[in-house]
Amino acid sequence: YKIVAEQNGEWLMDKSQSVMENIIQAQGGENIDAVFAVTDDMIQGKLYKFNVPKGWTGTKYGRVEKNKTDGKCYIKFTTHKKLESEETLDTYLELVDANNETIGEAINDAELFKDIVKTNPSLATYEGCTYTHEKSDGMVSGAINAKVRTHKIVDANGKVVHYAENYYFIYEGTVYSVDYACEGGEGYDAGFTFASYLGSNFKFIEPKK
């Protein structure tokens, strides 16, 4: 391989994203076969790009945060794990789903809730709430198939106190996800459709094979 460009990403995700965009513009994405970076955060900045919608702000941590929510309502890109030879996205998600379903069952059952709060005190705020967990198929970056997990916790008055959507997908044997979350229900807006956002505001920068 021939090195066609080299720039300093300063160990930061957003800086590396800007650097990579400049390199692609200068060299042409079709002329780039591989990218090397020193840290995971830097390489993530080369893998994706978020457009920041009105009322949101991009951060140096590579997240997009909704204004006036103290960072509790956000969109981010996550690297999960490199799959073993026999693993698939479905087998990986079986473990993820099992953990979420265990938590959900405990939130929805008063007796189980007492026990799980002993080992996970942070869940105490969800006493008397109802948890729902939905599975569906989706797409990221316009062409990559994804498995979607939607989580919602509603209190006794019908107020959303937690919401999250995770779009899991595989690229070159590694599981990634694009995540939207409203921790504590901060910034939750039933009119905001994460799937629509992903369709026009998120780009996964897939290098040429």
C-alpha atoms as a PDB file:
ATOM      1  CA  TYR A   1       0.000   0.000   0.000  1.00  0.00           C
ATOM      2  CA  LYS A   2       1.045   3.586  -0.641  1.00  0.00           C
ATOM      3  CA  ILE A   3       0.427   6.256   2.004  1.00  0.00           C
ATOM      4  CA  VAL A   4      -1.501   9.009   0.226  1.00  0.00           C
ATOM      5  CA  ALA A   5      -2.149  11.313   3.214  1.00  0.00           C
ATOM      6  CA  GLU A   6      -1.248  11.714   6.872  1.00  0.00           C
ATOM      7  CA  GLN A   7      -2.684  14.237   9.339  1.00  0.00           C
ATOM      8  CA  ASN A   8      -2.869  14.670  13.120  1.00  0.00           C
ATOM      9  CA  GLY A   9      -6.249  13.776  14.682  1.00  0.00           C
ATOM     10  CA  GLU A  10      -5.016  14.974  18.123  1.00  0.00           C
ATOM     11  CA  TRP A  11      -6.471  11.824  19.735  1.00  0.00           C
ATOM     12  CA  LEU A  12      -9.995  13.271  19.372  1.00  0.00           C
ATOM     13  CA  MET A  13     -13.014  11.800  17.583  1.00  0.00           C
ATOM     14  CA  ASP A  14     -14.402  15.034  16.157  1.00  0.00           C
ATOM     15  CA  LYS A  15     -10.949  16.284  15.077  1.00  0.00           C
ATOM     16  CA  SER A  16     -10.279  12.955  13.342  1.00  0.00           C
ATOM     17  CA  GLN A  17     -13.634  13.165  11.585  1.00  0.00           C
ATOM     18  CA  SER A  18     -12.752  16.618  10.230  1.00  0.00           C
ATOM     19  CA  VAL A  19      -9.303  15.398   9.170  1.00  0.00           C
ATOM     20  CA  MET A  20     -10.760  12.402   7.345  1.00  0.00           C
ATOM     21  CA  GLU A  21     -13.316  14.553   5.527  1.00  0.00           C
ATOM     22  CA  ASN A  22     -10.469  16.777   4.291  1.00  0.00           C
ATOM     23  CA  ILE A  23      -8.460  13.774   3.121  1.00  0.00           C
ATOM     24  CA  ILE A  24     -11.438  12.268   1.283  1.00  0.00           C
ATOM     25  CA  GLN A  25     -12.099  15.586  -0.421  1.00  0.00           C
ATOM     26  CA  ALA A  26      -8.460  15.966  -1.440  1.00  0.00           C
ATOM     27  CA  GLN A  27      -7.729  12.372  -2.463  1.00  0.00           C
ATOM     28  CA  GLY A  28     -11.152  11.049  -3.460  1.00  0.00           C
ATOM     29  CA  GLY A  29     -12.765   8.302  -1.396  1.00  0.00           C
ATOM     30  CA  GLU A  30     -12.385   5.849  -4.278  1.00  0.00           C
ATOM     31  CA  ASN A  31      -8.583   6.148  -3.947  1.00  0.00           C
ATOM     32  CA  ILE A  32      -8.482   5.162  -0.258  1.00  0.00           C
ATOM     33  CA  ASP A  33      -8.214   1.452   0.584  1.00  0.00           C
ATOM     34  CA  ALA A  34      -7.417   1.566   4.313  1.00  0.00           C
ATOM     35  CA  VAL A  35      -7.188   3.951   7.272  1.00  0.00           C
ATOM     36  CA  PHE A  36      -4.843   3.629  10.255  1.00  0.00           C
ATOM     37  CA  ALA A  37      -5.290   5.463  13.564  1.00  0.00           C
ATOM     38  CA  VAL A  38      -3.717   5.167  17.001  1.00  0.00           C
ATOM     39  CA  THR A  39      -6.876   4.972  19.133  1.00  0.00           C
ATOM     40  CA  ASP A  40     -10.441   3.632  18.835  1.00  0.00           C
ATOM     41  CA  ASP A  41     -11.866   7.141  19.324  1.00  0.00           C
ATOM     42  CA  MET A  42      -9.836   8.450  16.401  1.00  0.00           C
ATOM     43  CA  ILE A  43     -10.812   5.638  14.051  1.00  0.00           C
ATOM     44  CA  GLN A  44     -14.487   6.085  14.974  1.00  0.00           C
ATOM     45  CA  GLY A  45     -14.199   9.671  13.804  1.00  0.00           C
ATOM     46  CA  LYS A  46     -13.203   8.285  10.409  1.00  0.00           C
ATOM     47  CA  LEU A  47     -16.086   5.806  10.257  1.00  0.00           C
ATOM     48  CA  TYR A  48     -19.075   8.116  10.500  1.00  0.00           C
ATOM     49  CA  LYS A  49     -20.470  11.608  10.258  1.00  0.00           C
ATOM     50  CA  PHE A  50     -23.443  13.185  12.041  1.00  0.00           C
ATOM     51  CA  ASN A  51     -25.238  16.237  10.723  1.00  0.00           C
ATOM     52  CA  VAL A  52     -26.382  18.381  13.638  1.00  0.00           C
ATOM     53  CA  PRO A  53     -30.111  19.254  13.499  1.00  0.00           C
ATOM     54  CA  LYS A  54     -31.448  22.607  14.647  1.00  0.00           C
ATOM     55  CA  GLY A  55     -31.696  22.781  18.424  1.00  0.00           C
ATOM     56  CA  TRP A  56     -28.853  20.287  18.904  1.00  0.00           C
ATOM     57  CA  THR A  57     -25.093  20.695  19.385  1.00  0.00           C
ATOM     58  CA  GLY A  58     -22.143  18.533  18.341  1.00  0.00           C
ATOM     59  CA  THR A  59     -19.618  17.775  21.111  1.00  0.00           C
ATOM     60  CA  LYS A  60     -15.912  16.970  21.165  1.00  0.00           C
ATOM     61  CA  TYR A  61     -16.840  13.442  22.260  1.00  0.00           C
ATOM     62  CA  GLY A  62     -18.431  12.713  18.886  1.00  0.00           C
ATOM     63  CA  ARG A  63     -21.975  12.976  20.257  1.00  0.00           C
ATOM     64  CA  VAL A  64     -24.861  15.170  19.174  1.00  0.00           C
ATOM     65  CA  GLU A  65     -26.725  16.535  22.207  1.00  0.00           C
ATOM     66  CA  LYS A  66     -30.100  18.226  22.382  1.00  0.00           C
ATOM     67  CA  ASN A  67     -29.843  21.747  23.774  1.00  0.00           C
ATOM     68  CA  LYS A  68     -30.982  22.431  27.351  1.00  0.00           C
ATOM     69  CA  THR A  69     -30.895  18.771  28.431  1.00  0.00           C
ATOM     70  CA  ASP A  70     -27.513  18.716  30.203  1.00  0.00           C
ATOM     71  CA  GLY A  71     -26.314  16.095  27.754  1.00  0.00           C
ATOM     72  CA  LYS A  72     -29.011  13.626  28.814  1.00  0.00           C
ATOM     73  CA  CYS A  73     -30.682  13.582  25.381  1.00  0.00           C
ATOM     74  CA  TYR A  74     -28.108  12.567  22.798  1.00  0.00           C
ATOM     75  CA  ILE A  75     -27.202  10.635  19.662  1.00  0.00           C
ATOM     76  CA  LYS A  76     -23.925   8.744  19.517  1.00  0.00           C
ATOM     77  CA  PHE A  77     -21.970   6.067  17.669  1.00  0.00           C
ATOM     78  CA  THR A  78     -20.831   3.006  19.656  1.00  0.00           C
ATOM     79  CA  THR A  79     -18.309   0.265  18.928  1.00  0.00           C
ATOM     80  CA  HIS A  80     -19.342  -2.935  20.729  1.00  0.00           C
ATOM     81  CA  LYS A  81     -17.102  -5.916  19.917  1.00  0.00           C
ATOM     82  CA  LYS A  82     -15.301  -7.915  17.274  1.00  0.00           C
ATOM     83  CA  LEU A  83     -17.335 -11.063  16.676  1.00  0.00           C
ATOM     84  CA  GLU A  84     -15.815 -14.508  17.135  1.00  0.00           C
ATOM     85  CA  SER A  85     -15.815 -16.836  14.124  1.00  0.00           C
ATOM     86  CA  GLU A  86     -19.098 -18.532  15.079  1.00  0.00           C
ATOM     87  CA  GLU A  87     -20.888 -15.405  16.273  1.00  0.00           C
ATOM     88  CA  THR A  88     -23.476 -13.411  14.338  1.00  0.00           C
ATOM     89  CA  LEU A  89     -25.303 -10.191  15.062  1.00  0.00           C
ATOM     90  CA  ASP A  90     -28.308 -12.252  16.161  1.00  0.00           C
ATOM     91  CA  THR A  91     -26.319 -14.312  18.669  1.00  0.00           C
ATOM     92  CA  TYR A  92     -24.702 -11.154  20.044  1.00  0.00           C
ATOM     93  CA  LEU A  93     -28.101  -9.511  20.468  1.00  0.00           C
ATOM     94  CA  GLU A  94     -29.488 -12.564  22.258  1.00  0.00           C
ATOM     95  CA  LEU A  95     -27.290 -11.659  25.235  1.00  0.00           C
ATOM     96  CA  VAL A  96     -28.144  -7.952  24.989  1.00  0.00           C
ATOM     97  CA  ASP A  97     -31.866  -8.735  24.795  1.00  0.00           C
ATOM     98  CA  ALA A  98     -31.720 -11.184  27.694  1.00  0.00           C
ATOM     99  CA  ASN A  99     -30.196  -8.535  29.956  1.00  0.00           C
ATOM    100  CA  ASN A 100     -32.735  -5.891  28.929  1.00  0.00           C
ATOM    101  CA  GLU A 101     -35.635  -8.307  29.352  1.00  0.00           C
ATOM    102  CA  THR A 102     -34.440  -9.235  32.850  1.00  0.00           C
ATOM    103  CA  ILE A 103     -34.408  -5.562  33.826  1.00  0.00           C
ATOM    104  CA  GLY A 104     -37.776  -5.005  32.149  1.00  0.00           C
ATOM    105  CA  GLU A 105     -39.416  -7.905  33.959  1.00  0.00           C
ATOM    106  CA  ALA A 106     -38.132  -6.560  37.262  1.00  0.00           C
ATOM    107  CA  ILE A 107     -39.434  -3.043  36.606  1.00  0.00           C
ATOM    108  CA  ASN A 108     -42.833  -4.441  35.655  1.00  0.00           C
ATOM    109  CA  ASP A 109     -43.088  -6.730  38.698  1.00  0.00           C
ATOM    110  CA  ALA A 110     -43.184  -5.127  42.165  1.00  0.00           C
ATOM    111  CA  GLU A 111     -41.672  -8.138  43.941  1.00  0.00           C
ATOM    112  CA  LEU A 112     -38.856  -8.627  41.455  1.00  0.00           C
ATOM    113  CA  PHE A 113     -38.224  -4.892  41.531  1.00  0.00           C
ATOM    114  CA  LYS A 114     -37.379  -4.998  45.245  1.00  0.00           C
ATOM    115  CA  ASP A 115     -34.695  -7.599  44.591  1.00  0.00           C
ATOM    116  CA  ILE A 116     -33.057  -5.993  41.571  1.00  0.00           C
ATOM    117  CA  VAL A 117     -32.835  -2.587  43.253  1.00  0.00           C
ATOM    118  CA  LYS A 118     -30.674  -4.188  45.953  1.00  0.00           C
ATOM    119  CA  THR A 119     -28.009  -4.989  43.360  1.00  0.00           C
ATOM    120  CA  ASN A 120     -28.684  -2.050  41.052  1.00  0.00           C
ATOM    121  CA  PRO A 121     -29.782   0.957  43.166  1.00  0.00           C
ATOM    122  CA  SER A 122     -29.838   3.269  40.124  1.00  0.00           C
ATOM    123  CA  LEU A 123     -33.070   1.567  39.019  1.00  0.00           C
ATOM    124  CA  ALA A 124     -34.912   2.765  42.151  1.00  0.00           C
ATOM    125  CA  THR A 125     -36.160   5.826  40.278  1.00  0.00           C
ATOM    126  CA  TYR A 126     -38.299   3.524  38.082  1.00  0.00           C
ATOM    127  CA  GLU A 127     -40.439   2.151  40.896  1.00  0.00           C
ATOM    128  CA  GLY A 128     -44.077   1.878  39.771  1.00  0.00           C
ATOM    129  CA  CYS A 129     -43.139   2.351  36.109  1.00  0.00           C
ATOM    130  CA  THR A 130     -43.813   0.228  33.032  1.00  0.00           C
ATOM    131  CA  TYR A 131     -41.040  -0.926  30.701  1.00  0.00           C
ATOM    132  CA  THR A 132     -41.487  -1.928  27.046  1.00  0.00           C
ATOM    133  CA  HIS A 133     -38.840  -3.412  24.764  1.00  0.00           C
ATOM    134  CA  GLU A 134     -39.445  -3.693  21.025  1.00  0.00           C
ATOM    135  CA  LYS A 135     -37.408  -5.413  18.297  1.00  0.00           C
ATOM    136  CA  SER A 136     -37.528  -4.457  14.624  1.00  0.00           C
ATOM    137  CA  ASP A 137     -35.425  -4.117  11.483  1.00  0.00           C
ATOM    138  CA  GLY A 138     -34.050  -0.853  10.196  1.00  0.00           C
ATOM    139  CA  MET A 139     -31.342   0.729   8.107  1.00  0.00           C
ATOM    140  CA  VAL A 140     -28.426   3.114   8.635  1.00  0.00           C
ATOM    141  CA  SER A 141     -26.599   5.293   6.139  1.00  0.00           C
ATOM    142  CA  GLY A 142     -29.204   4.477   3.499  1.00  0.00           C
ATOM    143  CA  ALA A 143     -27.932   0.989   2.673  1.00  0.00           C
ATOM    144  CA  ILE A 144     -26.761  -0.939   5.755  1.00  0.00           C
ATOM    145  CA  ASN A 145     -29.255  -3.316   7.356  1.00  0.00           C
ATOM    146  CA  ALA A 146     -29.639  -2.952  11.105  1.00  0.00           C
ATOM    147  CA  LYS A 147     -31.391  -4.603  14.026  1.00  0.00           C
ATOM    148  CA  VAL A 148     -33.308  -2.054  16.071  1.00  0.00           C
ATOM    149  CA  ARG A 149     -34.002  -2.159  19.799  1.00  0.00           C
ATOM    150  CA  THR A 150     -36.409   0.382  21.306  1.00  0.00           C
ATOM    151  CA  HIS A 151     -36.746   0.873  25.061  1.00  0.00           C
ATOM    152  CA  LYS A 152     -39.340   2.978  26.819  1.00  0.00           C
ATOM    153  CA  ILE A 153     -40.091   3.424  30.519  1.00  0.00           C
ATOM    154  CA  VAL A 154     -43.288   5.244  31.477  1.00  0.00           C
ATOM    155  CA  ASP A 155     -44.340   6.289  34.979  1.00  0.00           C
ATOM    156  CA  ALA A 156     -47.781   5.815  36.544  1.00  0.00           C
ATOM    157  CA  ASN A 157     -48.942   9.133  35.060  1.00  0.00           C
ATOM    158  CA  GLY A 158     -47.956   8.165  31.524  1.00  0.00           C
ATOM    159  CA  LYS A 159     -44.848  10.361  31.430  1.00  0.00           C
ATOM    160  CA  VAL A 160     -41.829   8.953  29.586  1.00  0.00           C
ATOM    161  CA  VAL A 161     -38.982   8.754  32.109  1.00  0.00           C
ATOM    162  CA  HIS A 162     -36.525   6.932  29.849  1.00  0.00           C
ATOM    163  CA  TYR A 163     -36.327   6.332  26.101  1.00  0.00           C
ATOM    164  CA  ALA A 164     -33.692   4.785  23.862  1.00  0.00           C
ATOM    165  CA  GLU A 165     -33.307   3.432  20.340  1.00  0.00           C
ATOM    166  CA  ASN A 166     -30.289   1.408  19.241  1.00  0.00           C
ATOM    167  CA  TYR A 167     -29.534   0.544  15.610  1.00  0.00           C
ATOM    168  CA  TYR A 168     -27.067  -2.377  15.651  1.00  0.00           C
ATOM    169  CA  PHE A 169     -25.143  -3.396  12.536  1.00  0.00           C
ATOM    170  CA  ILE A 170     -21.986  -5.252  11.500  1.00  0.00           C
ATOM    171  CA  TYR A 171     -19.091  -3.889   9.493  1.00  0.00           C
ATOM    172  CA  GLU A 172     -16.062  -6.102   8.776  1.00  0.00           C
ATOM    173  CA  GLY A 173     -16.917  -8.449  11.649  1.00  0.00           C
ATOM    174  CA  THR A 174     -17.363  -5.753  14.303  1.00  0.00           C
ATOM    175  CA  VAL A 175     -20.684  -4.821  15.908  1.00  0.00           C
ATOM    176  CA  TYR A 176     -21.494  -1.107  15.932  1.00  0.00           C
ATOM    177  CA  SER A 177     -24.607   0.838  16.848  1.00  0.00           C
ATOM    178  CA  VAL A 178     -26.049   4.294  16.371  1.00  0.00           C
ATOM    179  CA  ASP A 179     -27.865   5.228  19.565  1.00  0.00           C
ATOM    180  CA  TYR A 180     -30.478   7.776  20.562  1.00  0.00           C
ATOM    181  CA  ALA A 181     -31.315   8.186  24.244  1.00  0.00           C
ATOM    182  CA  CYS A 182     -33.296  10.451  26.550  1.00  0.00           C
ATOM    183  CA  GLU A 183     -32.031   9.642  30.027  1.00  0.00           C
ATOM    184  CA  GLY A 184     -34.603  10.421  32.670  1.00  0.00           C
ATOM    185  CA  GLY A 185     -36.945  11.349  29.815  1.00  0.00           C
ATOM    186  CA  GLU A 186     -35.007  14.598  29.295  1.00  0.00           C
ATOM    187  CA  GLY A 187     -35.646  16.043  25.845  1.00  0.00           C
ATOM    188  CA  TYR A 188     -38.045  13.276  24.830  1.00  0.00           C
ATOM    189  CA  ASP A 189     -40.241  14.320  21.918  1.00  0.00           C
ATOM    190  CA  ALA A 190     -42.743  11.867  20.464  1.00  0.00           C
ATOM    191  CA  GLY A 191     -42.598  13.845  17.233  1.00  0.00           C
ATOM    192  CA  PHE A 192     -38.871  13.190  16.735  1.00  0.00           C
ATOM    193  CA  THR A 193     -38.397  10.121  14.524  1.00  0.00           C
ATOM    194  CA  PHE A 194     -34.906   8.708  14.900  1.00  0.00           C
ATOM    195  CA  ALA A 195     -35.262   6.565  11.763  1.00  0.00           C
ATOM    196  CA  SER A 196     -35.943   9.694   9.714  1.00  0.00           C
ATOM    197  CA  TYR A 197     -32.949  11.430  11.263  1.00  0.00           C
ATOM    198  CA  LEU A 198     -30.683   8.526  10.358  1.00  0.00           C
ATOM    199  CA  GLY A 199     -31.978   8.533   6.805  1.00  0.00           C
ATOM    200  CA  SER A 200     -30.711  12.023   6.068  1.00  0.00           C
ATOM    201  CA  ASN A 201     -28.296  13.053   8.832  1.00  0.00           C
ATOM    202  CA  PHE A 202     -26.027  10.076   9.506  1.00  0.00           C
ATOM    203  CA  LYS A 203     -23.387   8.741   7.149  1.00  0.00           C
ATOM    204  CA  PHE A 204     -21.267   5.645   7.699  1.00  0.00           C
ATOM    205  CA  ILE A 205     -18.029   6.218   5.793  1.00  0.00           C
ATOM    206  CA  GLU A 206     -17.286   2.785   4.347  1.00  0.00           C
ATOM    207  CA  PRO A 207     -13.830   2.537   2.800  1.00  0.00           C
ATOM    208  CA  LYS A 208     -13.449   1.091  -0.687  1.00  0.00           C
ATOM    209  CA  LYS A 209     -13.018  -2.709  -0.757  1.00  0.00           C
END
